[in-house]
Amino acid sequence: MSEFFLLTLIAPPGHEEPIIDWLLQYEHPSGFSSFPISGHSSHPESLTLVEQVTGRKRQVRFDVQLAGPDLEVLLDRLKTDFAGSAIHYWVSPIVDAGRL
C-alpha cells in the first residue's frame, strides 16, 4: 500500500483560476477540492488597510490527495510554475481515507 499525503495550498484569490487550470492539467487520480477561506495574520504589515480593519484576508484553499512519488513531482512543478506567487503550502500524512 502506498503512503498518501494531503497537499494544502493557500493562495490569493487572483490565483484561483490559474491553479484550478494547472491542477486539472496534472494527471493524478484523486482530484482536488477548493474553497474560499479567511486568513488571519499576526503580521499586520502584510495586510491591506481594509484587511487590517476587518481582521481577515480573503484566500483560496486547495486540498490535493496524492501518493508520495506523485507529491514530489507535483511539488517540484508547482515550485517552478508558481515561483514568487505568494502561495503557501503544507503537506500532511493521510492516516486513512476511503469512500463510504
C-alpha atoms as a PDB file:
ATOM      1  CA  MET A   1       0.000   0.000   0.000  1.00  0.00           C
ATOM      2  CA  SER A   2       1.369   3.404  -0.994  1.00  0.00           C
ATOM      3  CA  GLU A   3       1.742   6.158   1.524  1.00  0.00           C
ATOM      4  CA  PHE A   4      -0.663   9.034   0.819  1.00  0.00           C
ATOM      5  CA  PHE A   5      -0.412  12.714   1.670  1.00  0.00           C
ATOM      6  CA  LEU A   6      -2.642  15.769   1.664  1.00  0.00           C
ATOM      7  CA  LEU A   7      -1.119  18.786  -0.048  1.00  0.00           C
ATOM      8  CA  THR A   8      -2.772  22.020   1.067  1.00  0.00           C
ATOM      9  CA  LEU A   9      -2.279  25.239  -0.896  1.00  0.00           C
ATOM     10  CA  ILE A  10      -3.329  28.676   0.367  1.00  0.00           C
ATOM     11  CA  ALA A  11      -3.405  31.238  -2.432  1.00  0.00           C
ATOM     12  CA  PRO A  12      -4.549  34.795  -3.109  1.00  0.00           C
ATOM     13  CA  PRO A  13      -7.967  34.878  -4.849  1.00  0.00           C
ATOM     14  CA  GLY A  14      -6.402  36.091  -8.090  1.00  0.00           C
ATOM     15  CA  HIS A  15      -4.588  32.762  -8.420  1.00  0.00           C
ATOM     16  CA  GLU A  16      -7.723  30.622  -8.061  1.00  0.00           C
ATOM     17  CA  GLU A  17      -8.453  30.075 -11.765  1.00  0.00           C
ATOM     18  CA  PRO A  18      -4.805  29.603 -12.815  1.00  0.00           C
ATOM     19  CA  ILE A  19      -4.314  26.999 -10.061  1.00  0.00           C
ATOM     20  CA  ILE A  20      -7.540  25.190 -10.985  1.00  0.00           C
ATOM     21  CA  ASP A  21      -6.462  25.072 -14.646  1.00  0.00           C
ATOM     22  CA  TRP A  22      -2.973  23.945 -13.637  1.00  0.00           C
ATOM     23  CA  LEU A  23      -4.237  21.174 -11.335  1.00  0.00           C
ATOM     24  CA  LEU A  24      -6.721  19.956 -13.962  1.00  0.00           C
ATOM     25  CA  GLN A  25      -3.827  19.525 -16.400  1.00  0.00           C
ATOM     26  CA  TYR A  26      -1.857  17.469 -13.895  1.00  0.00           C
ATOM     27  CA  GLU A  27      -2.771  13.806 -14.225  1.00  0.00           C
ATOM     28  CA  HIS A  28      -3.347  12.401 -10.752  1.00  0.00           C
ATOM     29  CA  PRO A  29      -6.140  10.024  -9.819  1.00  0.00           C
ATOM     30  CA  SER A  30      -7.591  11.635  -6.704  1.00  0.00           C
ATOM     31  CA  GLY A  31      -8.747  15.062  -7.891  1.00  0.00           C
ATOM     32  CA  PHE A  32      -8.769  18.072  -5.603  1.00  0.00           C
ATOM     33  CA  SER A  33     -11.041  20.364  -3.612  1.00  0.00           C
ATOM     34  CA  SER A  34     -11.078  24.148  -3.450  1.00  0.00           C
ATOM     35  CA  PHE A  35     -12.920  26.571  -1.236  1.00  0.00           C
ATOM     36  CA  PRO A  36     -12.751  30.220  -0.085  1.00  0.00           C
ATOM     37  CA  ILE A  37     -11.241  30.875   3.333  1.00  0.00           C
ATOM     38  CA  SER A  38     -10.340  33.820   5.540  1.00  0.00           C
ATOM     39  CA  GLY A  39      -6.710  34.120   6.552  1.00  0.00           C
ATOM     40  CA  HIS A  40      -5.722  35.804   9.811  1.00  0.00           C
ATOM     41  CA  SER A  41      -2.226  37.106  10.466  1.00  0.00           C
ATOM     42  CA  SER A  42      -0.223  38.388  13.366  1.00  0.00           C
ATOM     43  CA  HIS A  43       1.781  40.423  10.840  1.00  0.00           C
ATOM     44  CA  PRO A  44      -0.414  43.466  10.064  1.00  0.00           C
ATOM     45  CA  GLU A  45       2.190  44.882   7.688  1.00  0.00           C
ATOM     46  CA  SER A  46       1.300  42.059   5.272  1.00  0.00           C
ATOM     47  CA  LEU A  47      -2.377  43.137   5.183  1.00  0.00           C
ATOM     48  CA  THR A  48      -4.098  45.953   3.311  1.00  0.00           C
ATOM     49  CA  LEU A  49      -5.823  48.666   5.350  1.00  0.00           C
ATOM     50  CA  VAL A  50      -9.244  47.048   4.759  1.00  0.00           C
ATOM     51  CA  GLU A  51      -7.869  43.640   5.802  1.00  0.00           C
ATOM     52  CA  GLN A  52      -6.400  45.194   8.963  1.00  0.00           C
ATOM     53  CA  VAL A  53      -9.784  46.709   9.860  1.00  0.00           C
ATOM     54  CA  THR A  54     -11.756  43.510   9.184  1.00  0.00           C
ATOM     55  CA  GLY A  55      -9.083  41.269  10.688  1.00  0.00           C
ATOM     56  CA  ARG A  56      -9.082  38.859   7.757  1.00  0.00           C
ATOM     57  CA  LYS A  57      -7.646  38.308   4.320  1.00  0.00           C
ATOM     58  CA  ARG A  58      -9.592  36.502   1.614  1.00  0.00           C
ATOM     59  CA  GLN A  59      -7.776  33.478   0.278  1.00  0.00           C
ATOM     60  CA  VAL A  60      -8.472  30.227  -1.574  1.00  0.00           C
ATOM     61  CA  ARG A  61      -7.590  26.801  -0.194  1.00  0.00           C
ATOM     62  CA  PHE A  62      -6.862  23.744  -2.307  1.00  0.00           C
ATOM     63  CA  ASP A  63      -6.566  20.202  -0.923  1.00  0.00           C
ATOM     64  CA  VAL A  64      -4.984  17.515  -3.089  1.00  0.00           C
ATOM     65  CA  GLN A  65      -4.575  13.868  -2.007  1.00  0.00           C
ATOM     66  CA  LEU A  66      -1.503  12.251  -3.551  1.00  0.00           C
ATOM     67  CA  ALA A  67       0.745   9.219  -3.279  1.00  0.00           C
ATOM     68  CA  GLY A  68       4.298  10.027  -2.155  1.00  0.00           C
ATOM     69  CA  PRO A  69       6.009   9.851  -5.593  1.00  0.00           C
ATOM     70  CA  ASP A  70       3.224  11.922  -7.203  1.00  0.00           C
ATOM     71  CA  LEU A  71       3.524  14.513  -4.439  1.00  0.00           C
ATOM     72  CA  GLU A  72       7.215  15.053  -5.124  1.00  0.00           C
ATOM     73  CA  VAL A  73       6.597  15.547  -8.853  1.00  0.00           C
ATOM     74  CA  LEU A  74       3.675  17.922  -8.312  1.00  0.00           C
ATOM     75  CA  LEU A  75       5.547  19.997  -5.718  1.00  0.00           C
ATOM     76  CA  ASP A  76       8.588  20.343  -7.984  1.00  0.00           C
ATOM     77  CA  ARG A  77       6.393  21.544 -10.863  1.00  0.00           C
ATOM     78  CA  LEU A  78       4.386  23.829  -8.566  1.00  0.00           C
ATOM     79  CA  LYS A  79       7.550  25.470  -7.233  1.00  0.00           C
ATOM     80  CA  THR A  80       8.704  26.128 -10.780  1.00  0.00           C
ATOM     81  CA  ASP A  81       5.420  27.220 -12.351  1.00  0.00           C
ATOM     82  CA  PHE A  82       4.246  29.417  -9.440  1.00  0.00           C
ATOM     83  CA  ALA A  83       7.556  30.774  -8.151  1.00  0.00           C
ATOM     84  CA  GLY A  84       7.086  34.146  -6.414  1.00  0.00           C
ATOM     85  CA  SER A  85       3.277  33.857  -6.322  1.00  0.00           C
ATOM     86  CA  ALA A  86       2.824  34.066  -2.504  1.00  0.00           C
ATOM     87  CA  ILE A  87       1.225  30.613  -2.393  1.00  0.00           C
ATOM     88  CA  HIS A  88       1.671  28.966   0.999  1.00  0.00           C
ATOM     89  CA  TYR A  89       1.618  25.175   1.234  1.00  0.00           C
ATOM     90  CA  TRP A  90       1.961  22.315   3.665  1.00  0.00           C
ATOM     91  CA  VAL A  91       1.915  18.532   3.454  1.00  0.00           C
ATOM     92  CA  SER A  92       0.168  16.235   5.941  1.00  0.00           C
ATOM     93  CA  PRO A  93       0.217  12.435   6.063  1.00  0.00           C
ATOM     94  CA  ILE A  94      -3.132  10.731   5.497  1.00  0.00           C
ATOM     95  CA  VAL A  95      -3.725   8.041   8.099  1.00  0.00           C
ATOM     96  CA  ASP A  96      -6.838   6.647   6.452  1.00  0.00           C
ATOM     97  CA  ALA A  97      -9.111   7.508   3.518  1.00  0.00           C
ATOM     98  CA  GLY A  98     -11.860   5.853   1.559  1.00  0.00           C
ATOM     99  CA  ARG A  99     -15.420   6.062   0.305  1.00  0.00           C
ATOM    100  CA  LEU A 100     -18.498   5.300   2.393  1.00  0.00           C
END
